[in-house]
PDB file of N, CA and C in Angstrom:
ATOM      1  N   MET A   1     -46.720 103.423  29.012  1.00  0.00           N
ATOM      2  CA  MET A   1     -46.814 102.258  29.852  1.00  0.00           C
ATOM      3  C   MET A   1     -47.362 101.084  29.046  1.00  0.00           C
ATOM      4  N   ASN A   2     -46.916  99.902  29.420  1.00  0.00           N
ATOM      5  CA  ASN A   2     -47.480  98.730  28.763  1.00  0.00           C
ATOM      6  C   ASN A   2     -48.660  98.214  29.577  1.00  0.00           C
ATOM      7  N   ARG A   3     -49.236  97.099  29.180  1.00  0.00           N
ATOM      8  CA  ARG A   3     -50.466  96.613  29.803  1.00  0.00           C
ATOM      9  C   ARG A   3     -50.316  96.274  31.279  1.00  0.00           C
ATOM     10  N   GLY A   4     -49.142  95.811  31.694  1.00  0.00           N
ATOM     11  CA  GLY A   4     -48.943  95.425  33.078  1.00  0.00           C
ATOM     12  C   GLY A   4     -48.762  96.601  34.013  1.00  0.00           C
ATOM     13  N   GLY A   5     -48.768  97.823  33.506  1.00  0.00           N
ATOM     14  CA  GLY A   5     -48.579  98.997  34.333  1.00  0.00           C
ATOM     15  C   GLY A   5     -47.130  99.320  34.586  1.00  0.00           C
ATOM     16  N   LYS A   6     -46.230  98.545  33.999  1.00  0.00           N
ATOM     17  CA  LYS A   6     -44.799  98.800  34.168  1.00  0.00           C
ATOM     18  C   LYS A   6     -44.295  99.657  33.024  1.00  0.00           C
ATOM     19  N   LEU A   7     -43.228 100.395  33.310  1.00  0.00           N
ATOM     20  CA  LEU A   7     -42.618 101.215  32.275  1.00  0.00           C
ATOM     21  C   LEU A   7     -41.739 100.360  31.380  1.00  0.00           C
ATOM     22  N   ALA A   8     -41.575 100.781  30.141  1.00  0.00           N
ATOM     23  CA  ALA A   8     -40.651 100.099  29.236  1.00  0.00           C
ATOM     24  C   ALA A   8     -39.238 100.199  29.807  1.00  0.00           C
ATOM     25  N   PRO A   9     -38.377  99.228  29.512  1.00  0.00           N
ATOM     26  CA  PRO A   9     -37.046  99.214  30.139  1.00  0.00           C
ATOM     27  C   PRO A   9     -36.186 100.428  29.819  1.00  0.00           C
ATOM     28  N   GLU A  10     -36.400 101.066  28.673  1.00  0.00           N
ATOM     29  CA  GLU A  10     -35.555 102.209  28.321  1.00  0.00           C
ATOM     30  C   GLU A  10     -35.971 103.505  29.024  1.00  0.00           C
ATOM     31  N   VAL A  11     -37.131 103.521  29.655  1.00  0.00           N
ATOM     32  CA  VAL A  11     -37.624 104.721  30.323  1.00  0.00           C
ATOM     33  C   VAL A  11     -36.780 104.989  31.569  1.00  0.00           C
ATOM     34  N   GLN A  12     -36.273 106.199  31.650  1.00  0.00           N
ATOM     35  CA  GLN A  12     -35.490 106.593  32.818  1.00  0.00           C
ATOM     36  C   GLN A  12     -35.583 108.095  33.011  1.00  0.00           C
ATOM     37  N   ARG A  13     -34.937 108.617  34.058  1.00  0.00           N
ATOM     38  CA  ARG A  13     -35.051 110.030  34.411  1.00  0.00           C
ATOM     39  C   ARG A  13     -34.253 110.945  33.484  1.00  0.00           C
ATOM     40  N   ALA A  14     -33.247 110.432  32.806  1.00  0.00           N
ATOM     41  CA  ALA A  14     -32.370 111.264  31.971  1.00  0.00           C
ATOM     42  C   ALA A  14     -32.838 111.230  30.515  1.00  0.00           C
ATOM     43  N   LEU A  15     -33.018 112.427  29.952  1.00  0.00           N
ATOM     44  CA  LEU A  15     -33.414 112.566  28.559  1.00  0.00           C
ATOM     45  C   LEU A  15     -32.269 113.188  27.764  1.00  0.00           C
ATOM     46  N   PHE A  16     -32.149 112.781  26.508  1.00  0.00           N
ATOM     47  CA  PHE A  16     -31.187 113.366  25.591  1.00  0.00           C
ATOM     48  C   PHE A  16     -31.992 114.158  24.565  1.00  0.00           C
ATOM     49  N   VAL A  17     -31.658 115.429  24.395  1.00  0.00           N
ATOM     50  CA  VAL A  17     -32.413 116.315  23.505  1.00  0.00           C
ATOM     51  C   VAL A  17     -31.497 116.757  22.366  1.00  0.00           C
ATOM     52  N   LYS A  18     -31.999 116.627  21.127  1.00  0.00           N
ATOM     53  CA  LYS A  18     -31.241 117.044  19.944  1.00  0.00           C
ATOM     54  C   LYS A  18     -32.034 118.081  19.165  1.00  0.00           C
ATOM     55  N   ASN A  19     -31.367 118.727  18.249  1.00  0.00           N
ATOM     56  CA  ASN A  19     -31.946 119.709  17.330  1.00  0.00           C
ATOM     57  C   ASN A  19     -32.369 121.000  18.023  1.00  0.00           C
ATOM     58  N   LEU A  20     -31.660 121.341  19.096  1.00  0.00           N
ATOM     59  CA  LEU A  20     -31.906 122.625  19.756  1.00  0.00           C
ATOM     60  C   LEU A  20     -31.225 123.745  18.986  1.00  0.00           C
ATOM     61  N   SER A  21     -31.773 124.929  19.088  1.00  0.00           N
ATOM     62  CA  SER A  21     -31.113 126.102  18.540  1.00  0.00           C
ATOM     63  C   SER A  21     -29.800 126.319  19.289  1.00  0.00           C
ATOM     64  N   TYR A  22     -28.770 126.744  18.581  1.00  0.00           N
ATOM     65  CA  TYR A  22     -27.482 127.025  19.225  1.00  0.00           C
ATOM     66  C   TYR A  22     -27.602 128.201  20.198  1.00  0.00           C
ATOM     67  N   ASN A  23     -28.646 129.014  20.035  1.00  0.00           N
ATOM     68  CA  ASN A  23     -28.814 130.214  20.857  1.00  0.00           C
ATOM     69  C   ASN A  23     -29.744 130.012  22.055  1.00  0.00           C
ATOM     70  N   VAL A  24     -30.240 128.801  22.274  1.00  0.00           N
ATOM     71  CA  VAL A  24     -31.171 128.575  23.377  1.00  0.00           C
ATOM     72  C   VAL A  24     -30.441 128.749  24.706  1.00  0.00           C
ATOM     73  N   SER A  25     -31.110 129.374  25.653  1.00  0.00           N
ATOM     74  CA  SER A  25     -30.501 129.586  26.971  1.00  0.00           C
ATOM     75  C   SER A  25     -30.938 128.471  27.921  1.00  0.00           C
ATOM     76  N   SER A  26     -30.179 128.302  28.988  1.00  0.00           N
ATOM     77  CA  SER A  26     -30.550 127.289  29.978  1.00  0.00           C
ATOM     78  C   SER A  26     -31.873 127.654  30.640  1.00  0.00           C
ATOM     79  N   GLU A  27     -32.139 128.954  30.812  1.00  0.00           N
ATOM     80  CA  GLU A  27     -33.415 129.383  31.397  1.00  0.00           C
ATOM     81  C   GLU A  27     -34.589 128.954  30.518  1.00  0.00           C
ATOM     82  N   GLU A  28     -34.434 129.093  29.206  1.00  0.00           N
ATOM     83  CA  GLU A  28     -35.502 128.685  28.286  1.00  0.00           C
ATOM     84  C   GLU A  28     -35.726 127.172  28.362  1.00  0.00           C
ATOM     85  N   LEU A  29     -34.642 126.411  28.496  1.00  0.00           N
ATOM     86  CA  LEU A  29     -34.783 124.964  28.625  1.00  0.00           C
ATOM     87  C   LEU A  29     -35.459 124.595  29.940  1.00  0.00           C
ATOM     88  N   PHE A  30     -35.066 125.260  31.028  1.00  0.00           N
ATOM     89  CA  PHE A  30     -35.717 125.004  32.318  1.00  0.00           C
ATOM     90  C   PHE A  30     -37.203 125.349  32.244  1.00  0.00           C
ATOM     91  N   ASP A  31     -37.548 126.451  31.577  1.00  0.00           N
ATOM     92  CA  ASP A  31     -38.956 126.836  31.442  1.00  0.00           C
ATOM     93  C   ASP A  31     -39.742 125.777  30.670  1.00  0.00           C
ATOM     94  N   LEU A  32     -39.183 125.304  29.563  1.00  0.00           N
ATOM     95  CA  LEU A  32     -39.880 124.331  28.716  1.00  0.00           C
ATOM     96  C   LEU A  32     -39.995 122.976  29.412  1.00  0.00           C
ATOM     97  N   PHE A  33     -38.880 122.432  29.856  1.00  0.00           N
ATOM     98  CA  PHE A  33     -38.891 121.090  30.435  1.00  0.00           C
ATOM     99  C   PHE A  33     -39.449 121.084  31.851  1.00  0.00           C
ATOM    100  N   GLY A  34     -39.354 122.209  32.548  1.00  0.00           N
ATOM    101  CA  GLY A  34     -39.864 122.299  33.913  1.00  0.00           C
ATOM    102  C   GLY A  34     -41.370 122.227  34.008  1.00  0.00           C
ATOM    103  N   LYS A  35     -42.064 122.381  32.889  1.00  0.00           N
ATOM    104  CA  LYS A  35     -43.527 122.269  32.893  1.00  0.00           C
ATOM    105  C   LYS A  35     -43.988 120.857  33.240  1.00  0.00           C
ATOM    106  N   PHE A  36     -43.085 119.884  33.130  1.00  0.00           N
ATOM    107  CA  PHE A  36     -43.463 118.485  33.321  1.00  0.00           C
ATOM    108  C   PHE A  36     -43.027 117.931  34.673  1.00  0.00           C
ATOM    109  N   GLY A  37     -42.319 118.725  35.464  1.00  0.00           N
ATOM    110  CA  GLY A  37     -41.922 118.282  36.791  1.00  0.00           C
ATOM    111  C   GLY A  37     -40.582 118.858  37.203  1.00  0.00           C
ATOM    112  N   PRO A  38     -40.205 118.622  38.456  1.00  0.00           N
ATOM    113  CA  PRO A  38     -38.931 119.150  38.963  1.00  0.00           C
ATOM    114  C   PRO A  38     -37.733 118.563  38.216  1.00  0.00           C
ATOM    115  N   ILE A  39     -36.807 119.434  37.878  1.00  0.00           N
ATOM    116  CA  ILE A  39     -35.612 119.033  37.133  1.00  0.00           C
ATOM    117  C   ILE A  39     -34.423 119.031  38.079  1.00  0.00           C
ATOM    118  N   ARG A  40     -33.650 117.970  38.009  1.00  0.00           N
ATOM    119  CA  ARG A  40     -32.440 117.883  38.818  1.00  0.00           C
ATOM    120  C   ARG A  40     -31.285 118.610  38.133  1.00  0.00           C
ATOM    121  N   GLN A  41     -31.183 118.463  36.802  1.00  0.00           N
ATOM    122  CA  GLN A  41     -30.041 119.053  36.104  1.00  0.00           C
ATOM    123  C   GLN A  41     -30.323 119.157  34.606  1.00  0.00           C
ATOM    124  N   ILE A  42     -29.781 120.215  33.993  1.00  0.00           N
ATOM    125  CA  ILE A  42     -29.752 120.333  32.534  1.00  0.00           C
ATOM    126  C   ILE A  42     -28.317 120.640  32.144  1.00  0.00           C
ATOM    127  N   ARG A  43     -27.793 119.873  31.204  1.00  0.00           N
ATOM    128  CA  ARG A  43     -26.434 120.113  30.703  1.00  0.00           C
ATOM    129  C   ARG A  43     -26.514 120.300  29.191  1.00  0.00           C
ATOM    130  N   GLN A  44     -26.102 121.477  28.739  1.00  0.00           N
ATOM    131  CA  GLN A  44     -26.107 121.778  27.313  1.00  0.00           C
ATOM    132  C   GLN A  44     -24.750 121.486  26.704  1.00  0.00           C
ATOM    133  N   GLY A  45     -24.781 120.996  25.448  1.00  0.00           N
ATOM    134  CA  GLY A  45     -23.542 120.775  24.719  1.00  0.00           C
ATOM    135  C   GLY A  45     -22.951 122.107  24.287  1.00  0.00           C
ATOM    136  N   ILE A  46     -21.637 122.282  24.499  1.00  0.00           N
ATOM    137  CA  ILE A  46     -20.980 123.530  24.102  1.00  0.00           C
ATOM    138  C   ILE A  46     -19.850 123.296  23.111  1.00  0.00           C
ATOM    139  N   ALA A  47     -19.372 122.068  22.998  1.00  0.00           N
ATOM    140  CA  ALA A  47     -18.310 121.767  22.026  1.00  0.00           C
ATOM    141  C   ALA A  47     -18.917 121.758  20.619  1.00  0.00           C
ATOM    142  N   ASN A  48     -18.082 121.897  19.615  1.00  0.00           N
ATOM    143  CA  ASN A  48     -18.577 121.936  18.236  1.00  0.00           C
ATOM    144  C   ASN A  48     -19.413 120.705  17.884  1.00  0.00           C
ATOM    145  N   ASN A  49     -19.020 119.533  18.390  1.00  0.00           N
ATOM    146  CA  ASN A  49     -19.764 118.323  18.027  1.00  0.00           C
ATOM    147  C   ASN A  49     -20.956 118.041  18.947  1.00  0.00           C
ATOM    148  N   THR A  50     -21.181 118.891  19.963  1.00  0.00           N
ATOM    149  CA  THR A  50     -22.335 118.680  20.858  1.00  0.00           C
ATOM    150  C   THR A  50     -23.284 119.873  20.912  1.00  0.00           C
ATOM    151  N   LYS A  51     -22.979 120.940  20.185  1.00  0.00           N
ATOM    152  CA  LYS A  51     -23.895 122.085  20.159  1.00  0.00           C
ATOM    153  C   LYS A  51     -25.260 121.634  19.656  1.00  0.00           C
ATOM    154  N   GLY A  52     -26.285 122.235  20.209  1.00  0.00           N
ATOM    155  CA  GLY A  52     -27.647 121.891  19.792  1.00  0.00           C
ATOM    156  C   GLY A  52     -28.191 120.667  20.506  1.00  0.00           C
ATOM    157  N   THR A  53     -27.464 120.185  21.528  1.00  0.00           N
ATOM    158  CA  THR A  53     -27.930 119.044  22.304  1.00  0.00           C
ATOM    159  C   THR A  53     -27.949 119.406  23.782  1.00  0.00           C
ATOM    160  N   ALA A  54     -28.670 118.591  24.543  1.00  0.00           N
ATOM    161  CA  ALA A  54     -28.703 118.782  26.001  1.00  0.00           C
ATOM    162  C   ALA A  54     -29.133 117.485  26.657  1.00  0.00           C
ATOM    163  N   PHE A  55     -28.736 117.331  27.904  1.00  0.00           N
ATOM    164  CA  PHE A  55     -29.238 116.260  28.753  1.00  0.00           C
ATOM    165  C   PHE A  55     -30.128 116.926  29.797  1.00  0.00           C
ATOM    166  N   VAL A  56     -31.307 116.370  29.995  1.00  0.00           N
ATOM    167  CA  VAL A  56     -32.243 116.875  30.994  1.00  0.00           C
ATOM    168  C   VAL A  56     -32.524 115.730  31.962  1.00  0.00           C
ATOM    169  N   VAL A  57     -32.239 115.948  33.235  1.00  0.00           N
ATOM    170  CA  VAL A  57     -32.449 114.913  34.244  1.00  0.00           C
ATOM    171  C   VAL A  57     -33.560 115.369  35.192  1.00  0.00           C
ATOM    172  N   TYR A  58     -34.602 114.575  35.256  1.00  0.00           N
ATOM    173  CA  TYR A  58     -35.738 114.856  36.132  1.00  0.00           C
ATOM    174  C   TYR A  58     -35.555 114.182  37.482  1.00  0.00           C
ATOM    175  N   GLU A  59     -36.255 114.691  38.473  1.00  0.00           N
ATOM    176  CA  GLU A  59     -36.280 114.054  39.794  1.00  0.00           C
ATOM    177  C   GLU A  59     -37.059 112.743  39.750  1.00  0.00           C
ATOM    178  N   ASP A  60     -38.109 112.699  38.925  1.00  0.00           N
ATOM    179  CA  ASP A  60     -39.006 111.548  38.885  1.00  0.00           C
ATOM    180  C   ASP A  60     -39.088 110.968  37.477  1.00  0.00           C
ATOM    181  N   VAL A  61     -39.064 109.649  37.370  1.00  0.00           N
ATOM    182  CA  VAL A  61     -39.087 108.977  36.077  1.00  0.00           C
ATOM    183  C   VAL A  61     -40.392 109.237  35.314  1.00  0.00           C
ATOM    184  N   MET A  62     -41.516 109.369  36.030  1.00  0.00           N
ATOM    185  CA  MET A  62     -42.789 109.608  35.341  1.00  0.00           C
ATOM    186  C   MET A  62     -42.823 111.004  34.708  1.00  0.00           C
ATOM    187  N   ASP A  63     -42.178 111.977  35.348  1.00  0.00           N
ATOM    188  CA  ASP A  63     -42.086 113.312  34.750  1.00  0.00           C
ATOM    189  C   ASP A  63     -41.248 113.257  33.473  1.00  0.00           C
ATOM    190  N   ALA A  64     -40.169 112.481  33.516  1.00  0.00           N
ATOM    191  CA  ALA A  64     -39.319 112.340  32.326  1.00  0.00           C
ATOM    192  C   ALA A  64     -40.096 111.673  31.194  1.00  0.00           C
ATOM    193  N   LYS A  65     -40.878 110.661  31.531  1.00  0.00           N
ATOM    194  CA  LYS A  65     -41.668 109.972  30.508  1.00  0.00           C
ATOM    195  C   LYS A  65     -42.677 110.922  29.873  1.00  0.00           C
ATOM    196  N   THR A  66     -43.351 111.698  30.712  1.00  0.00           N
ATOM    197  CA  THR A  66     -44.339 112.660  30.198  1.00  0.00           C
ATOM    198  C   THR A  66     -43.661 113.685  29.289  1.00  0.00           C
ATOM    199  N   ALA A  67     -42.517 114.212  29.712  1.00  0.00           N
ATOM    200  CA  ALA A  67     -41.796 115.197  28.904  1.00  0.00           C
ATOM    201  C   ALA A  67     -41.356 114.594  27.583  1.00  0.00           C
ATOM    202  N   CYS A  68     -40.845 113.386  27.619  1.00  0.00           N
ATOM    203  CA  CYS A  68     -40.404 112.724  26.386  1.00  0.00           C
ATOM    204  C   CYS A  68     -41.582 112.532  25.433  1.00  0.00           C
ATOM    205  N   ASP A  69     -42.695 112.042  25.974  1.00  0.00           N
ATOM    206  CA  ASP A  69     -43.887 111.815  25.150  1.00  0.00           C
ATOM    207  C   ASP A  69     -44.418 113.110  24.539  1.00  0.00           C
ATOM    208  N   LYS A  70     -44.422 114.194  25.328  1.00  0.00           N
ATOM    209  CA  LYS A  70     -45.024 115.455  24.871  1.00  0.00           C
ATOM    210  C   LYS A  70     -44.078 116.304  24.015  1.00  0.00           C
ATOM    211  N   LEU A  71     -42.769 116.250  24.291  1.00  0.00           N
ATOM    212  CA  LEU A  71     -41.851 117.181  23.629  1.00  0.00           C
ATOM    213  C   LEU A  71     -41.117 116.598  22.418  1.00  0.00           C
ATOM    214  N   ASN A  72     -41.111 115.292  22.246  1.00  0.00           N
ATOM    215  CA  ASN A  72     -40.483 114.729  21.050  1.00  0.00           C
ATOM    216  C   ASN A  72     -41.301 115.146  19.833  1.00  0.00           C
ATOM    217  N   GLY A  73     -40.679 115.879  18.928  1.00  0.00           N
ATOM    218  CA  GLY A  73     -41.376 116.408  17.754  1.00  0.00           C
ATOM    219  C   GLY A  73     -41.999 117.777  17.976  1.00  0.00           C
ATOM    220  N   PHE A  74     -41.852 118.313  19.175  1.00  0.00           N
ATOM    221  CA  PHE A  74     -42.423 119.625  19.519  1.00  0.00           C
ATOM    222  C   PHE A  74     -41.629 120.739  18.823  1.00  0.00           C
ATOM    223  N   ASN A  75     -42.342 121.711  18.242  1.00  0.00           N
ATOM    224  CA  ASN A  75     -41.692 122.839  17.576  1.00  0.00           C
ATOM    225  C   ASN A  75     -41.314 123.874  18.628  1.00  0.00           C
ATOM    226  N   PHE A  76     -40.012 124.057  18.839  1.00  0.00           N
ATOM    227  CA  PHE A  76     -39.484 124.982  19.838  1.00  0.00           C
ATOM    228  C   PHE A  76     -38.452 125.862  19.150  1.00  0.00           C
ATOM    229  N   GLN A  77     -38.717 127.161  19.123  1.00  0.00           N
ATOM    230  CA  GLN A  77     -37.844 128.129  18.458  1.00  0.00           C
ATOM    231  C   GLN A  77     -37.616 127.755  16.993  1.00  0.00           C
ATOM    232  N   ASN A  78     -38.708 127.409  16.333  1.00  0.00           N
ATOM    233  CA  ASN A  78     -38.720 127.058  14.908  1.00  0.00           C
ATOM    234  C   ASN A  78     -37.863 125.836  14.572  1.00  0.00           C
ATOM    235  N   ARG A  79     -37.704 124.942  15.542  1.00  0.00           N
ATOM    236  CA  ARG A  79     -36.979 123.686  15.322  1.00  0.00           C
ATOM    237  C   ARG A  79     -37.793 122.569  15.979  1.00  0.00           C
ATOM    238  N   TYR A  80     -37.833 121.420  15.316  1.00  0.00           N
ATOM    239  CA  TYR A  80     -38.548 120.282  15.885  1.00  0.00           C
ATOM    240  C   TYR A  80     -37.591 119.485  16.765  1.00  0.00           C
ATOM    241  N   LEU A  81     -37.911 119.403  18.053  1.00  0.00           N
ATOM    242  CA  LEU A  81     -37.040 118.733  19.010  1.00  0.00           C
ATOM    243  C   LEU A  81     -37.067 117.220  18.829  1.00  0.00           C
ATOM    244  N   VAL A  82     -35.929 116.608  19.075  1.00  0.00           N
ATOM    245  CA  VAL A  82     -35.825 115.152  19.160  1.00  0.00           C
ATOM    246  C   VAL A  82     -35.484 114.860  20.616  1.00  0.00           C
ATOM    247  N   VAL A  83     -36.405 114.203  21.314  1.00  0.00           N
ATOM    248  CA  VAL A  83     -36.225 113.916  22.737  1.00  0.00           C
ATOM    249  C   VAL A  83     -36.230 112.397  22.910  1.00  0.00           C
ATOM    250  N   LEU A  84     -35.132 111.882  23.452  1.00  0.00           N
ATOM    251  CA  LEU A  84     -34.952 110.438  23.625  1.00  0.00           C
ATOM    252  C   LEU A  84     -34.530 110.144  25.053  1.00  0.00           C
ATOM    253  N   TYR A  85     -34.734 108.917  25.480  1.00  0.00           N
ATOM    254  CA  TYR A  85     -34.182 108.502  26.768  1.00  0.00           C
ATOM    255  C   TYR A  85     -32.689 108.298  26.594  1.00  0.00           C
ATOM    256  N   HIS A  86     -31.915 108.785  27.543  1.00  0.00           N
ATOM    257  CA  HIS A  86     -30.462 108.615  27.492  1.00  0.00           C
ATOM    258  C   HIS A  86     -30.130 107.144  27.713  1.00  0.00           C
ATOM    259  N   GLN A  87     -29.389 106.565  26.760  1.00  0.00           N
ATOM    260  CA  GLN A  87     -29.001 105.158  26.845  1.00  0.00           C
ATOM    261  C   GLN A  87     -27.489 105.057  26.672  1.00  0.00           C
ATOM    262  N   PRO A  88     -26.727 105.207  27.762  1.00  0.00           N
ATOM    263  CA  PRO A  88     -25.273 105.225  27.650  1.00  0.00           C
ATOM    264  C   PRO A  88     -24.685 103.944  27.069  1.00  0.00           C
ATOM    265  N   GLU A  89     -25.306 102.782  27.350  1.00  0.00           N
ATOM    266  CA  GLU A  89     -24.773 101.531  26.794  1.00  0.00           C
ATOM    267  C   GLU A  89     -24.864 101.540  25.266  1.00  0.00           C
ATOM    268  N   LYS A  90     -25.976 102.035  24.767  1.00  0.00           N
ATOM    269  CA  LYS A  90     -26.175 102.087  23.317  1.00  0.00           C
ATOM    270  C   LYS A  90     -25.184 103.051  22.670  1.00  0.00           C
ATOM    271  N   MET A  91     -24.926 104.188  23.329  1.00  0.00           N
ATOM    272  CA  MET A  91     -23.971 105.156  22.784  1.00  0.00           C
ATOM    273  C   MET A  91     -22.561 104.572  22.759  1.00  0.00           C
ATOM    274  N   ALA A  92     -22.187 103.835  23.804  1.00  0.00           N
ATOM    275  CA  ALA A  92     -20.857 103.206  23.849  1.00  0.00           C
ATOM    276  C   ALA A  92     -20.737 102.164  22.753  1.00  0.00           C
ATOM    277  N   ARG A  93     -21.794 101.395  22.538  1.00  0.00           N
ATOM    278  CA  ARG A  93     -21.785 100.389  21.473  1.00  0.00           C
ATOM    279  C   ARG A  93     -21.630 101.042  20.109  1.00  0.00           C
ATOM    280  N   GLN A  94     -22.314 102.169  19.884  1.00  0.00           N
ATOM    281  CA  GLN A  94     -22.207 102.870  18.613  1.00  0.00           C
ATOM    282  C   GLN A  94     -20.786 103.369  18.378  1.00  0.00           C
ATOM    283  N   GLU A  95     -20.119 103.854  19.424  1.00  0.00           N
ATOM    284  CA  GLU A  95     -18.742 104.315  19.298  1.00  0.00           C
ATOM    285  C   GLU A  95     -17.824 103.156  18.942  1.00  0.00           C
ATOM    286  N   GLN A  96     -18.043 101.988  19.548  1.00  0.00           N
ATOM    287  CA  GLN A  96     -17.241 100.809  19.227  1.00  0.00           C
ATOM    288  C   GLN A  96     -17.475 100.393  17.782  1.00  0.00           C
ATOM    289  N   ASP A  97     -18.739 100.395  17.348  1.00  0.00           N
ATOM    290  CA  ASP A  97     -19.064 100.042  15.966  1.00  0.00           C
ATOM    291  C   ASP A  97     -18.400 101.004  14.996  1.00  0.00           C
ATOM    292  N   LEU A  98     -18.404 102.294  15.323  1.00  0.00           N
ATOM    293  CA  LEU A  98     -17.781 103.297  14.470  1.00  0.00           C
ATOM    294  C   LEU A  98     -16.280 103.046  14.357  1.00  0.00           C
ATOM    295  N   ALA A  99     -15.632 102.752  15.478  1.00  0.00           N
ATOM    296  CA  ALA A  99     -14.190 102.484  15.462  1.00  0.00           C
ATOM    297  C   ALA A  99     -13.892 101.252  14.606  1.00  0.00           C
ATOM    298  N   ALA A 100     -14.699 100.215  14.717  1.00  0.00           N
ATOM    299  CA  ALA A 100     -14.493  99.006  13.920  1.00  0.00           C
ATOM    300  C   ALA A 100     -14.694  99.293  12.433  1.00  0.00           C
ATOM    301  N   ARG A 101     -15.695 100.087  12.103  1.00  0.00           N
ATOM    302  CA  ARG A 101     -15.931 100.426  10.690  1.00  0.00           C
ATOM    303  C   ARG A 101     -14.790 101.269  10.128  1.00  0.00           C
ATOM    304  N   GLN A 102     -14.271 102.204  10.934  1.00  0.00           N
ATOM    305  CA  GLN A 102     -13.146 103.024  10.475  1.00  0.00           C
ATOM    306  C   GLN A 102     -11.911 102.170  10.254  1.00  0.00           C
ATOM    307  N   GLU A 103     -11.676 101.233  11.142  1.00  0.00           N
ATOM    308  CA  GLU A 103     -10.537 100.326  11.008  1.00  0.00           C
ATOM    309  C   GLU A 103     -10.671  99.483   9.737  1.00  0.00           C
ATOM    310  N   ASN A 104     -11.867  98.987   9.491  1.00  0.00           N
ATOM    311  CA  ASN A 104     -12.126  98.197   8.285  1.00  0.00           C
ATOM    312  C   ASN A 104     -11.935  99.041   7.030  1.00  0.00           C
ATOM    313  N   LEU A 105     -12.368 100.299   7.067  1.00  0.00           N
ATOM    314  CA  LEU A 105     -12.199 101.200   5.937  1.00  0.00           C
ATOM    315  C   LEU A 105     -10.724 101.425   5.639  1.00  0.00           C
ATOM    316  N   GLU A 106      -9.934 101.655   6.680  1.00  0.00           N
ATOM    317  CA  GLU A 106      -8.491 101.861   6.490  1.00  0.00           C
ATOM    318  C   GLU A 106      -7.845 100.622   5.890  1.00  0.00           C
ATOM    319  N   LYS A 107      -8.269  99.444   6.330  1.00  0.00           N
ATOM    320  CA  LYS A 107      -7.720  98.193   5.794  1.00  0.00           C
ATOM    321  C   LYS A 107      -8.058  98.061   4.308  1.00  0.00           C
ATOM    322  N   LEU A 108      -9.289  98.386   3.953  1.00  0.00           N
ATOM    323  CA  LEU A 108      -9.698  98.317   2.548  1.00  0.00           C
ATOM    324  C   LEU A 108      -8.949  99.339   1.694  1.00  0.00           C
ATOM    325  N   LYS A 109      -8.715 100.531   2.233  1.00  0.00           N
ATOM    326  CA  LYS A 109      -7.942 101.547   1.510  1.00  0.00           C
ATOM    327  C   LYS A 109      -6.537 101.044   1.220  1.00  0.00           C
ATOM    328  N   ARG A 110      -5.877 100.452   2.232  1.00  0.00           N
ATOM    329  CA  ARG A 110      -4.532  99.919   2.036  1.00  0.00           C
ATOM    330  C   ARG A 110      -4.555  98.787   1.017  1.00  0.00           C
ATOM    331  N   GLN A 111      -5.557  97.946   1.130  1.00  0.00           N
ATOM    332  CA  GLN A 111      -5.677  96.787   0.247  1.00  0.00           C
ATOM    333  C   GLN A 111      -5.814  97.203  -1.221  1.00  0.00           C
ATOM    334  N   HIS A 112      -6.512  98.295  -1.457  1.00  0.00           N
ATOM    335  CA  HIS A 112      -6.771  98.749  -2.825  1.00  0.00           C
ATOM    336  C   HIS A 112      -5.901  99.934  -3.238  1.00  0.00           C
ATOM    337  N   GLY A 113      -4.952 100.295  -2.397  1.00  0.00           N
ATOM    338  CA  GLY A 113      -4.018 101.372  -2.735  1.00  0.00           C
ATOM    339  C   GLY A 113      -4.652 102.745  -2.816  1.00  0.00           C
ATOM    340  N   ILE A 114      -5.626 103.006  -1.991  1.00  0.00           N
ATOM    341  CA  ILE A 114      -6.309 104.304  -1.962  1.00  0.00           C
ATOM    342  C   ILE A 114      -5.796 105.096  -0.761  1.00  0.00           C
ATOM    343  N   ASP A 115      -5.472 106.372  -0.991  1.00  0.00           N
ATOM    344  CA  ASP A 115      -4.990 107.211   0.121  1.00  0.00           C
ATOM    345  C   ASP A 115      -6.088 107.903   0.830  1.00  0.00           C
TER     346      ASP A 115
END
């Protein structure tokens, strides 16, 4: 919290978790994250490019804030968790930036005759 008692704008109920073990079960995630308050939903990544990640949605924003503060950097199953607030606008912007960079790379390859 900042001095005015308000939450920072990025604080919300949905958390994005990275660096999870590929073998972690949903029950283990509910046990760990449930210590901070009631959970509405947990969605684990199962595709090759999303394994080791999860979204955790709390019922209350203050529970999500507490979990983020306490679990970011927490050693869980011999891995240090990365816990962030889910920011869909930022993720969409990153995808657009990536597409623009790839397009620029292809243009430079053609320009310099590189396959």
